[in-house]
PDB file of N, CA and C in Angstrom:
ATOM      1  N   UNK A   1       5.547  47.867  92.809  1.00  0.00           N
ATOM      2  CA  UNK A   1       3.700  48.134  92.196  1.00  0.00           C
ATOM      3  C   UNK A   1       3.610  45.814  92.067  1.00  0.00           C
ATOM      4  N   UNK A   2       4.844  45.775  91.189  1.00  0.00           N
ATOM      5  CA  UNK A   2       5.688  44.586  91.645  1.00  0.00           C
ATOM      6  C   UNK A   2       4.885  43.510  92.627  1.00  0.00           C
ATOM      7  N   UNK A   3       5.016  43.649  93.837  1.00  0.00           N
ATOM      8  CA  UNK A   3       5.370  43.678  94.531  1.00  0.00           C
ATOM      9  C   UNK A   3       3.794  42.833  95.442  1.00  0.00           C
ATOM     10  N   UNK A   4       3.477  44.734  95.196  1.00  0.00           N
ATOM     11  CA  UNK A   4       1.761  44.229  95.732  1.00  0.00           C
ATOM     12  C   UNK A   4       0.878  43.029  95.283  1.00  0.00           C
ATOM     13  N   UNK A   5       1.092  43.367  93.390  1.00  0.00           N
ATOM     14  CA  UNK A   5       0.491  42.616  92.540  1.00  0.00           C
ATOM     15  C   UNK A   5       0.921  40.747  92.834  1.00  0.00           C
ATOM     16  N   UNK A   6       1.798  40.573  93.701  1.00  0.00           N
ATOM     17  CA  UNK A   6       2.674  39.322  94.202  1.00  0.00           C
ATOM     18  C   UNK A   6       0.912  39.131  95.169  1.00  0.00           C
ATOM     19  N   UNK A   7       1.499  39.675  96.375  1.00  0.00           N
ATOM     20  CA  UNK A   7       1.419  39.830  97.169  1.00  0.00           C
ATOM     21  C   UNK A   7      -0.418  39.489  97.067  1.00  0.00           C
ATOM     22  N   UNK A   8      -0.844  39.837  96.383  1.00  0.00           N
ATOM     23  CA  UNK A   8      -2.370  39.898  96.382  1.00  0.00           C
ATOM     24  C   UNK A   8      -2.984  38.552  95.655  1.00  0.00           C
ATOM     25  N   UNK A   9      -2.290  37.967  94.749  1.00  0.00           N
ATOM     26  CA  UNK A   9      -1.695  36.859  94.412  1.00  0.00           C
ATOM     27  C   UNK A   9      -1.901  36.170  95.397  1.00  0.00           C
ATOM     28  N   UNK A  10      -0.871  35.952  96.062  1.00  0.00           N
ATOM     29  CA  UNK A  10       0.057  34.932  97.033  1.00  0.00           C
ATOM     30  C   UNK A  10      -0.831  34.551  98.174  1.00  0.00           C
ATOM     31  N   UNK A  11      -1.887  35.927  98.424  1.00  0.00           N
ATOM     32  CA  UNK A  11      -2.955  35.328  99.752  1.00  0.00           C
ATOM     33  C   UNK A  11      -4.368  35.419  99.264  1.00  0.00           C
ATOM     34  N   UNK A  12      -3.823  35.633  98.082  1.00  0.00           N
ATOM     35  CA  UNK A  12      -5.642  35.194  97.577  1.00  0.00           C
ATOM     36  C   UNK A  12      -6.377  33.351  97.957  1.00  0.00           C
ATOM     37  N   UNK A  13      -4.729  33.317  97.027  1.00  0.00           N
ATOM     38  CA  UNK A  13      -4.104  31.711  96.967  1.00  0.00           C
ATOM     39  C   UNK A  13      -4.134  31.579  97.983  1.00  0.00           C
ATOM     40  N   UNK A  14      -3.020  31.734  99.551  1.00  0.00           N
ATOM     41  CA  UNK A  14      -3.313  31.441 100.984  1.00  0.00           C
ATOM     42  C   UNK A  14      -4.569  31.600 100.774  1.00  0.00           C
ATOM     43  N   UNK A  15      -5.185  31.827 100.993  1.00  0.00           N
ATOM     44  CA  UNK A  15      -6.394  31.948 101.846  1.00  0.00           C
ATOM     45  C   UNK A  15      -7.026  30.907 101.359  1.00  0.00           C
ATOM     46  N   UNK A  16      -7.235  30.787 100.485  1.00  0.00           N
ATOM     47  CA  UNK A  16      -8.259  30.070  99.682  1.00  0.00           C
ATOM     48  C   UNK A  16      -8.066  28.380  99.868  1.00  0.00           C
ATOM     49  N   UNK A  17      -6.658  28.379  99.588  1.00  0.00           N
ATOM     50  CA  UNK A  17      -6.236  27.095 100.299  1.00  0.00           C
ATOM     51  C   UNK A  17      -6.136  26.288 101.640  1.00  0.00           C
ATOM     52  N   UNK A  18      -6.048  27.629 102.886  1.00  0.00           N
ATOM     53  CA  UNK A  18      -6.181  27.298 104.338  1.00  0.00           C
ATOM     54  C   UNK A  18      -8.008  27.205 104.163  1.00  0.00           C
ATOM     55  N   UNK A  19      -9.000  28.108 103.482  1.00  0.00           N
ATOM     56  CA  UNK A  19     -10.071  27.774 103.923  1.00  0.00           C
ATOM     57  C   UNK A  19     -10.588  26.085 103.179  1.00  0.00           C
ATOM     58  N   UNK A  20     -10.408  25.774 102.398  1.00  0.00           N
ATOM     59  CA  UNK A  20     -10.510  24.626 101.990  1.00  0.00           C
ATOM     60  C   UNK A  20     -10.249  23.518 103.049  1.00  0.00           C
ATOM     61  N   UNK A  21      -8.668  23.343 104.317  1.00  0.00           N
ATOM     62  CA  UNK A  21      -8.622  22.882 105.229  1.00  0.00           C
ATOM     63  C   UNK A  21      -9.840  23.851 106.647  1.00  0.00           C
ATOM     64  N   UNK A  22     -10.164  24.995 106.467  1.00  0.00           N
ATOM     65  CA  UNK A  22     -11.178  25.342 107.482  1.00  0.00           C
ATOM     66  C   UNK A  22     -12.575  24.539 106.738  1.00  0.00           C
ATOM     67  N   UNK A  23     -12.746  24.723 105.804  1.00  0.00           N
ATOM     68  CA  UNK A  23     -14.303  23.637 105.008  1.00  0.00           C
ATOM     69  C   UNK A  23     -14.417  22.497 105.171  1.00  0.00           C
ATOM     70  N   UNK A  24     -13.292  21.596 105.305  1.00  0.00           N
ATOM     71  CA  UNK A  24     -12.977  20.358 105.492  1.00  0.00           C
ATOM     72  C   UNK A  24     -13.264  19.909 106.807  1.00  0.00           C
ATOM     73  N   UNK A  25     -12.305  20.560 107.716  1.00  0.00           N
ATOM     74  CA  UNK A  25     -12.393  20.492 109.173  1.00  0.00           C
ATOM     75  C   UNK A  25     -13.831  20.665 110.022  1.00  0.00           C
ATOM     76  N   UNK A  26     -14.125  21.681 109.294  1.00  0.00           N
ATOM     77  CA  UNK A  26     -15.314  22.239 110.328  1.00  0.00           C
ATOM     78  C   UNK A  26     -16.459  22.887 110.015  1.00  0.00           C
ATOM     79  N   UNK A  27     -16.348  22.545 108.432  1.00  0.00           N
ATOM     80  CA  UNK A  27     -17.585  23.065 107.397  1.00  0.00           C
ATOM     81  C   UNK A  27     -18.139  21.663 107.409  1.00  0.00           C
ATOM     82  N   UNK A  28     -17.547  20.353 107.628  1.00  0.00           N
ATOM     83  CA  UNK A  28     -17.788  19.098 106.978  1.00  0.00           C
ATOM     84  C   UNK A  28     -18.375  18.726 105.301  1.00  0.00           C
ATOM     85  N   UNK A  29     -17.464  19.566 104.844  1.00  0.00           N
ATOM     86  CA  UNK A  29     -17.141  19.916 103.186  1.00  0.00           C
ATOM     87  C   UNK A  29     -15.910  17.993 102.705  1.00  0.00           C
ATOM     88  N   UNK A  30     -16.545  17.425 101.816  1.00  0.00           N
ATOM     89  CA  UNK A  30     -15.621  16.053 101.779  1.00  0.00           C
ATOM     90  C   UNK A  30     -14.106  16.497 101.599  1.00  0.00           C
ATOM     91  N   UNK A  31     -13.488  14.830 101.905  1.00  0.00           N
ATOM     92  CA  UNK A  31     -11.626  15.322 101.719  1.00  0.00           C
ATOM     93  C   UNK A  31     -11.635  16.185 100.296  1.00  0.00           C
ATOM     94  N   UNK A  32     -12.265  15.367  99.089  1.00  0.00           N
ATOM     95  CA  UNK A  32     -11.049  16.098  97.927  1.00  0.00           C
ATOM     96  C   UNK A  32     -11.321  17.499  98.127  1.00  0.00           C
ATOM     97  N   UNK A  33     -11.978  18.264  98.561  1.00  0.00           N
ATOM     98  CA  UNK A  33     -11.466  19.663  99.242  1.00  0.00           C
ATOM     99  C   UNK A  33     -10.393  20.677  99.153  1.00  0.00           C
ATOM    100  N   UNK A  34     -10.039  18.920  99.904  1.00  0.00           N
ATOM    101  CA  UNK A  34      -8.254  19.625 100.525  1.00  0.00           C
ATOM    102  C   UNK A  34      -7.252  19.044  98.808  1.00  0.00           C
ATOM    103  N   UNK A  35      -7.577  18.356  97.647  1.00  0.00           N
ATOM    104  CA  UNK A  35      -6.952  18.421  96.311  1.00  0.00           C
ATOM    105  C   UNK A  35      -6.310  20.045  95.451  1.00  0.00           C
ATOM    106  N   UNK A  36      -7.665  20.822  95.477  1.00  0.00           N
ATOM    107  CA  UNK A  36      -7.222  22.371  95.261  1.00  0.00           C
ATOM    108  C   UNK A  36      -6.850  22.986  96.602  1.00  0.00           C
ATOM    109  N   UNK A  37      -7.157  23.272  97.501  1.00  0.00           N
ATOM    110  CA  UNK A  37      -6.558  23.370  98.896  1.00  0.00           C
ATOM    111  C   UNK A  37      -5.099  23.527  98.793  1.00  0.00           C
ATOM    112  N   UNK A  38      -4.546  22.398  98.644  1.00  0.00           N
ATOM    113  CA  UNK A  38      -2.818  21.812  98.567  1.00  0.00           C
ATOM    114  C   UNK A  38      -2.437  22.483  97.476  1.00  0.00           C
ATOM    115  N   UNK A  39      -3.055  22.306  96.200  1.00  0.00           N
ATOM    116  CA  UNK A  39      -2.906  23.292  94.851  1.00  0.00           C
ATOM    117  C   UNK A  39      -2.979  25.090  95.269  1.00  0.00           C
ATOM    118  N   UNK A  40      -3.427  24.899  96.017  1.00  0.00           N
ATOM    119  CA  UNK A  40      -3.859  26.683  95.696  1.00  0.00           C
ATOM    120  C   UNK A  40      -2.626  27.196  97.240  1.00  0.00           C
ATOM    121  N   UNK A  41      -2.386  26.398  97.746  1.00  0.00           N
ATOM    122  CA  UNK A  41      -0.862  26.477  98.988  1.00  0.00           C
ATOM    123  C   UNK A  41       0.133  26.733  97.893  1.00  0.00           C
ATOM    124  N   UNK A  42       0.700  25.692  97.237  1.00  0.00           N
ATOM    125  CA  UNK A  42       1.799  25.360  96.577  1.00  0.00           C
ATOM    126  C   UNK A  42       1.858  27.187  95.879  1.00  0.00           C
ATOM    127  N   UNK A  43       0.832  27.354  94.986  1.00  0.00           N
ATOM    128  CA  UNK A  43       0.459  28.221  94.094  1.00  0.00           C
ATOM    129  C   UNK A  43       1.319  29.318  95.410  1.00  0.00           C
ATOM    130  N   UNK A  44       0.057  29.528  96.391  1.00  0.00           N
ATOM    131  CA  UNK A  44       0.746  31.135  97.466  1.00  0.00           C
ATOM    132  C   UNK A  44       2.331  31.220  97.180  1.00  0.00           C
ATOM    133  N   UNK A  45       2.790  29.406  97.615  1.00  0.00           N
ATOM    134  CA  UNK A  45       4.076  29.317  98.097  1.00  0.00           C
ATOM    135  C   UNK A  45       5.358  30.137  96.762  1.00  0.00           C
ATOM    136  N   UNK A  46       4.867  29.734  95.338  1.00  0.00           N
ATOM    137  CA  UNK A  46       5.198  30.097  94.353  1.00  0.00           C
ATOM    138  C   UNK A  46       5.174  31.271  93.953  1.00  0.00           C
ATOM    139  N   UNK A  47       4.417  31.603  93.956  1.00  0.00           N
ATOM    140  CA  UNK A  47       4.103  33.458  93.893  1.00  0.00           C
ATOM    141  C   UNK A  47       5.010  34.457  95.154  1.00  0.00           C
ATOM    142  N   UNK A  48       4.041  33.518  96.241  1.00  0.00           N
ATOM    143  CA  UNK A  48       5.700  34.774  96.844  1.00  0.00           C
ATOM    144  C   UNK A  48       7.096  34.558  96.823  1.00  0.00           C
ATOM    145  N   UNK A  49       8.036  33.501  95.864  1.00  0.00           N
ATOM    146  CA  UNK A  49       9.154  33.767  95.766  1.00  0.00           C
ATOM    147  C   UNK A  49       9.030  34.862  94.673  1.00  0.00           C
ATOM    148  N   UNK A  50       8.205  35.194  94.618  1.00  0.00           N
ATOM    149  CA  UNK A  50       8.780  36.156  93.445  1.00  0.00           C
ATOM    150  C   UNK A  50       8.055  37.726  93.278  1.00  0.00           C
ATOM    151  N   UNK A  51       8.393  37.945  95.291  1.00  0.00           N
ATOM    152  CA  UNK A  51       7.892  39.451  95.721  1.00  0.00           C
ATOM    153  C   UNK A  51       9.776  39.822  95.202  1.00  0.00           C
ATOM    154  N   UNK A  52       9.421  41.113  94.899  1.00  0.00           N
ATOM    155  CA  UNK A  52      11.481  42.401  94.615  1.00  0.00           C
ATOM    156  C   UNK A  52      11.540  42.278  96.103  1.00  0.00           C
ATOM    157  N   UNK A  53      12.219  41.618  96.718  1.00  0.00           N
ATOM    158  CA  UNK A  53      13.102  42.108  98.115  1.00  0.00           C
ATOM    159  C   UNK A  53      14.633  40.939  98.092  1.00  0.00           C
ATOM    160  N   UNK A  54      14.691  41.612  98.544  1.00  0.00           N
ATOM    161  CA  UNK A  54      16.147  40.915  98.351  1.00  0.00           C
ATOM    162  C   UNK A  54      16.071  39.119  99.846  1.00  0.00           C
ATOM    163  N   UNK A  55      15.807  39.678 100.047  1.00  0.00           N
ATOM    164  CA  UNK A  55      15.817  38.435 101.941  1.00  0.00           C
ATOM    165  C   UNK A  55      14.385  38.105 101.939  1.00  0.00           C
ATOM    166  N   UNK A  56      14.311  36.847 101.528  1.00  0.00           N
ATOM    167  CA  UNK A  56      12.832  36.054 102.105  1.00  0.00           C
ATOM    168  C   UNK A  56      12.481  36.579 103.240  1.00  0.00           C
ATOM    169  N   UNK A  57      12.621  36.997 103.988  1.00  0.00           N
ATOM    170  CA  UNK A  57      12.273  37.004 105.818  1.00  0.00           C
ATOM    171  C   UNK A  57      11.575  38.887 105.065  1.00  0.00           C
ATOM    172  N   UNK A  58      12.086  39.181 104.912  1.00  0.00           N
ATOM    173  CA  UNK A  58      11.873  40.918 104.812  1.00  0.00           C
ATOM    174  C   UNK A  58      10.246  40.315 103.732  1.00  0.00           C
ATOM    175  N   UNK A  59      10.442  39.357 102.908  1.00  0.00           N
ATOM    176  CA  UNK A  59       9.140  39.852 101.882  1.00  0.00           C
ATOM    177  C   UNK A  59       8.013  39.359 102.995  1.00  0.00           C
ATOM    178  N   UNK A  60       8.676  38.389 103.902  1.00  0.00           N
ATOM    179  CA  UNK A  60       6.804  37.385 103.876  1.00  0.00           C
ATOM    180  C   UNK A  60       6.794  38.550 105.239  1.00  0.00           C
ATOM    181  N   UNK A  61       7.647  39.337 105.967  1.00  0.00           N
ATOM    182  CA  UNK A  61       7.191  40.395 106.812  1.00  0.00           C
ATOM    183  C   UNK A  61       6.144  41.439 106.488  1.00  0.00           C
ATOM    184  N   UNK A  62       6.701  41.676 105.127  1.00  0.00           N
ATOM    185  CA  UNK A  62       5.948  42.798 104.513  1.00  0.00           C
ATOM    186  C   UNK A  62       4.601  42.012 103.480  1.00  0.00           C
ATOM    187  N   UNK A  63       4.491  40.329 103.209  1.00  0.00           N
ATOM    188  CA  UNK A  63       3.528  40.274 103.042  1.00  0.00           C
ATOM    189  C   UNK A  63       1.898  39.899 104.027  1.00  0.00           C
ATOM    190  N   UNK A  64       2.547  39.927 105.736  1.00  0.00           N
ATOM    191  CA  UNK A  64       1.770  39.435 106.293  1.00  0.00           C
ATOM    192  C   UNK A  64       0.804  40.651 106.690  1.00  0.00           C
ATOM    193  N   UNK A  65       0.820  41.745 106.722  1.00  0.00           N
ATOM    194  CA  UNK A  65       0.549  43.170 106.233  1.00  0.00           C
ATOM    195  C   UNK A  65      -0.664  42.934 104.742  1.00  0.00           C
ATOM    196  N   UNK A  66      -0.965  42.733 103.884  1.00  0.00           N
ATOM    197  CA  UNK A  66      -1.160  42.167 102.851  1.00  0.00           C
ATOM    198  C   UNK A  66      -2.247  41.126 103.093  1.00  0.00           C
ATOM    199  N   UNK A  67      -1.981  40.021 104.133  1.00  0.00           N
ATOM    200  CA  UNK A  67      -2.481  39.077 103.606  1.00  0.00           C
ATOM    201  C   UNK A  67      -3.777  39.528 105.366  1.00  0.00           C
ATOM    202  N   UNK A  68      -3.298  39.875 105.936  1.00  0.00           N
ATOM    203  CA  UNK A  68      -4.467  40.036 107.335  1.00  0.00           C
ATOM    204  C   UNK A  68      -6.002  41.344 106.294  1.00  0.00           C
ATOM    205  N   UNK A  69      -5.328  42.697 105.296  1.00  0.00           N
ATOM    206  CA  UNK A  69      -5.914  42.636 104.769  1.00  0.00           C
ATOM    207  C   UNK A  69      -6.590  41.700 103.514  1.00  0.00           C
ATOM    208  N   UNK A  70      -6.457  40.855 103.163  1.00  0.00           N
ATOM    209  CA  UNK A  70      -6.856  40.138 102.150  1.00  0.00           C
ATOM    210  C   UNK A  70      -7.498  39.056 102.694  1.00  0.00           C
ATOM    211  N   UNK A  71      -7.357  39.044 104.359  1.00  0.00           N
ATOM    212  CA  UNK A  71      -8.156  37.895 104.961  1.00  0.00           C
ATOM    213  C   UNK A  71     -10.055  38.681 105.372  1.00  0.00           C
ATOM    214  N   UNK A  72      -9.466  40.185 105.737  1.00  0.00           N
ATOM    215  CA  UNK A  72     -11.329  40.538 105.638  1.00  0.00           C
ATOM    216  C   UNK A  72     -11.522  40.792 104.470  1.00  0.00           C
ATOM    217  N   UNK A  73     -10.848  40.786 103.858  1.00  0.00           N
ATOM    218  CA  UNK A  73     -11.677  41.297 102.014  1.00  0.00           C
ATOM    219  C   UNK A  73     -12.283  39.384 102.298  1.00  0.00           C
ATOM    220  N   UNK A  74     -12.407  38.106 102.687  1.00  0.00           N
ATOM    221  CA  UNK A  74     -12.089  36.901 102.301  1.00  0.00           C
ATOM    222  C   UNK A  74     -13.673  37.027 103.086  1.00  0.00           C
ATOM    223  N   UNK A  75     -13.596  37.862 104.572  1.00  0.00           N
ATOM    224  CA  UNK A  75     -14.570  37.405 105.864  1.00  0.00           C
ATOM    225  C   UNK A  75     -15.389  37.800 105.075  1.00  0.00           C
ATOM    226  N   UNK A  76     -15.620  39.034 104.689  1.00  0.00           N
ATOM    227  CA  UNK A  76     -16.889  40.322 103.838  1.00  0.00           C
ATOM    228  C   UNK A  76     -17.559  39.150 102.411  1.00  0.00           C
ATOM    229  N   UNK A  77     -16.720  39.036 100.980  1.00  0.00           N
ATOM    230  CA  UNK A  77     -16.915  38.175 100.203  1.00  0.00           C
ATOM    231  C   UNK A  77     -17.040  36.958 100.308  1.00  0.00           C
ATOM    232  N   UNK A  78     -16.555  36.069 101.300  1.00  0.00           N
ATOM    233  CA  UNK A  78     -16.896  35.008 101.393  1.00  0.00           C
ATOM    234  C   UNK A  78     -18.101  33.985 101.639  1.00  0.00           C
ATOM    235  N   UNK A  79     -17.534  35.181 103.358  1.00  0.00           N
ATOM    236  CA  UNK A  79     -18.374  34.885 105.010  1.00  0.00           C
ATOM    237  C   UNK A  79     -18.794  35.424 104.777  1.00  0.00           C
ATOM    238  N   UNK A  80     -19.211  36.461 104.263  1.00  0.00           N
ATOM    239  CA  UNK A  80     -20.785  36.712 104.729  1.00  0.00           C
ATOM    240  C   UNK A  80     -20.642  38.250 106.188  1.00  0.00           C
ATOM    241  N   UNK A  81     -19.490  37.595 106.478  1.00  0.00           N
ATOM    242  CA  UNK A  81     -19.329  38.601 108.085  1.00  0.00           C
ATOM    243  C   UNK A  81     -18.479  40.576 106.932  1.00  0.00           C
ATOM    244  N   UNK A  82     -19.648  41.908 107.836  1.00  0.00           N
ATOM    245  CA  UNK A  82     -18.878  42.603 107.426  1.00  0.00           C
ATOM    246  C   UNK A  82     -18.103  42.522 108.376  1.00  0.00           C
ATOM    247  N   UNK A  83     -16.403  43.582 108.061  1.00  0.00           N
ATOM    248  CA  UNK A  83     -15.837  43.858 109.209  1.00  0.00           C
ATOM    249  C   UNK A  83     -16.240  44.982 109.840  1.00  0.00           C
ATOM    250  N   UNK A  84     -15.596  44.861 110.711  1.00  0.00           N
ATOM    251  CA  UNK A  84     -16.199  46.568 111.696  1.00  0.00           C
ATOM    252  C   UNK A  84     -14.916  47.210 111.342  1.00  0.00           C
ATOM    253  N   UNK A  85     -15.241  48.156 112.307  1.00  0.00           N
ATOM    254  CA  UNK A  85     -14.325  49.819 112.433  1.00  0.00           C
ATOM    255  C   UNK A  85     -12.547  48.941 112.791  1.00  0.00           C
ATOM    256  N   UNK A  86     -12.851  48.162 113.712  1.00  0.00           N
ATOM    257  CA  UNK A  86     -11.901  47.784 114.229  1.00  0.00           C
ATOM    258  C   UNK A  86     -10.828  46.498 113.153  1.00  0.00           C
ATOM    259  N   UNK A  87     -11.412  45.860 112.911  1.00  0.00           N
ATOM    260  CA  UNK A  87     -10.859  45.195 111.476  1.00  0.00           C
ATOM    261  C   UNK A  87     -10.116  45.865 110.585  1.00  0.00           C
ATOM    262  N   UNK A  88     -10.603  47.149 110.087  1.00  0.00           N
ATOM    263  CA  UNK A  88     -10.345  48.024 109.048  1.00  0.00           C
ATOM    264  C   UNK A  88      -8.748  48.879 109.613  1.00  0.00           C
ATOM    265  N   UNK A  89      -9.090  49.455 110.522  1.00  0.00           N
ATOM    266  CA  UNK A  89      -8.263  50.431 111.431  1.00  0.00           C
ATOM    267  C   UNK A  89      -6.837  49.355 111.675  1.00  0.00           C
ATOM    268  N   UNK A  90      -7.503  48.394 111.658  1.00  0.00           N
ATOM    269  CA  UNK A  90      -6.397  47.042 112.096  1.00  0.00           C
ATOM    270  C   UNK A  90      -5.614  46.897 110.588  1.00  0.00           C
ATOM    271  N   UNK A  91      -6.340  46.211 110.093  1.00  0.00           N
ATOM    272  CA  UNK A  91      -5.337  46.135 108.659  1.00  0.00           C
ATOM    273  C   UNK A  91      -5.000  47.607 107.781  1.00  0.00           C
ATOM    274  N   UNK A  92      -5.479  48.159 108.047  1.00  0.00           N
ATOM    275  CA  UNK A  92      -4.952  49.502 107.418  1.00  0.00           C
ATOM    276  C   UNK A  92      -3.211  50.313 108.619  1.00  0.00           C
ATOM    277  N   UNK A  93      -3.420  49.716 109.469  1.00  0.00           N
ATOM    278  CA  UNK A  93      -1.997  49.493 110.266  1.00  0.00           C
ATOM    279  C   UNK A  93      -0.843  49.043 110.012  1.00  0.00           C
ATOM    280  N   UNK A  94      -1.441  47.829 109.198  1.00  0.00           N
ATOM    281  CA  UNK A  94      -0.731  46.231 109.062  1.00  0.00           C
ATOM    282  C   UNK A  94      -0.272  46.534 107.225  1.00  0.00           C
ATOM    283  N   UNK A  95      -1.079  47.316 106.919  1.00  0.00           N
ATOM    284  CA  UNK A  95      -0.659  47.636 105.472  1.00  0.00           C
ATOM    285  C   UNK A  95       0.752  48.688 105.216  1.00  0.00           C
ATOM    286  N   UNK A  96       0.290  49.787 105.932  1.00  0.00           N
ATOM    287  CA  UNK A  96       1.334  50.750 106.592  1.00  0.00           C
ATOM    288  C   UNK A  96       2.891  50.548 107.311  1.00  0.00           C
ATOM    289  N   UNK A  97       2.752  49.278 108.194  1.00  0.00           N
ATOM    290  CA  UNK A  97       3.697  48.535 108.432  1.00  0.00           C
ATOM    291  C   UNK A  97       4.305  48.117 107.174  1.00  0.00           C
ATOM    292  N   UNK A  98       3.661  46.821 106.210  1.00  0.00           N
ATOM    293  CA  UNK A  98       3.980  46.640 105.833  1.00  0.00           C
ATOM    294  C   UNK A  98       4.700  47.122 103.996  1.00  0.00           C
ATOM    295  N   UNK A  99       4.572  48.375 103.874  1.00  0.00           N
ATOM    296  CA  UNK A  99       5.007  49.073 103.047  1.00  0.00           C
ATOM    297  C   UNK A  99       5.969  49.477 103.587  1.00  0.00           C
ATOM    298  N   UNK A 100       6.275  50.222 104.844  1.00  0.00           N
ATOM    299  CA  UNK A 100       7.739  50.356 105.777  1.00  0.00           C
ATOM    300  C   UNK A 100       8.419  49.636 105.249  1.00  0.00           C
ATOM    301  N   UNK A 101       8.572  48.350 105.188  1.00  0.00           N
ATOM    302  CA  UNK A 101       9.138  47.173 105.429  1.00  0.00           C
ATOM    303  C   UNK A 101       9.815  47.029 103.582  1.00  0.00           C
ATOM    304  N   UNK A 102       8.772  47.055 102.811  1.00  0.00           N
ATOM    305  CA  UNK A 102       8.588  46.586 101.553  1.00  0.00           C
ATOM    306  C   UNK A 102       9.764  47.947 100.769  1.00  0.00           C
ATOM    307  N   UNK A 103       8.894  49.040 101.314  1.00  0.00           N
ATOM    308  CA  UNK A 103       9.710  50.881 100.481  1.00  0.00           C
ATOM    309  C   UNK A 103      10.696  51.170 100.865  1.00  0.00           C
ATOM    310  N   UNK A 104      10.873  50.586 102.028  1.00  0.00           N
ATOM    311  CA  UNK A 104      12.373  51.769 103.244  1.00  0.00           C
ATOM    312  C   UNK A 104      13.387  51.874 102.479  1.00  0.00           C
ATOM    313  N   UNK A 105      13.875  53.510 102.011  1.00  0.00           N
ATOM    314  CA  UNK A 105      15.176  53.453 102.050  1.00  0.00           C
ATOM    315  C   UNK A 105      16.348  52.532 102.642  1.00  0.00           C
ATOM    316  N   UNK A 106      17.126  51.727 102.299  1.00  0.00           N
ATOM    317  CA  UNK A 106      17.633  50.747 103.024  1.00  0.00           C
ATOM    318  C   UNK A 106      19.260  51.397 102.535  1.00  0.00           C
ATOM    319  N   UNK A 107      20.487  51.003 102.825  1.00  0.00           N
ATOM    320  CA  UNK A 107      21.725  51.399 102.223  1.00  0.00           C
ATOM    321  C   UNK A 107      22.244  49.951 102.119  1.00  0.00           C
ATOM    322  N   UNK A 108      22.705  49.792 100.844  1.00  0.00           N
ATOM    323  CA  UNK A 108      23.606  47.918 100.973  1.00  0.00           C
ATOM    324  C   UNK A 108      24.313  47.653 101.968  1.00  0.00           C
TER     325      UNK A 108
END
C-alpha cells in the first residue's frame, strides 16, 4: 500500500515537473515556470527512493504503470482532454503489469 501512495505522489511530481518544461517550450509560458518544475522533478526523484523494493530497476518498472495511468488523469484534469476507451484499457493493462512486477512472490 505504501508503494502505491509513493508512486502516486511521484507520478504527480514528475508529470507536473515535465509539464512545466512543456508549458515553457510549447505553450509560451515564461521561463520562471522551470523553477517549480525543477523542484517538482527533484521531489519526484526523492519520492521514488521511498518505494518498497529491494531493487531500483524493479521499483522504476512498476512505477511506469502508475505513471501511465496518472498521465491520463493529468490529460483529463489539467489539459481538458477526456481519455478514450483505448487510453483506459492501456492504462489498466499497465497497472496490472505494475502490480505483477511489484507484488509477485519471489524467492530470496
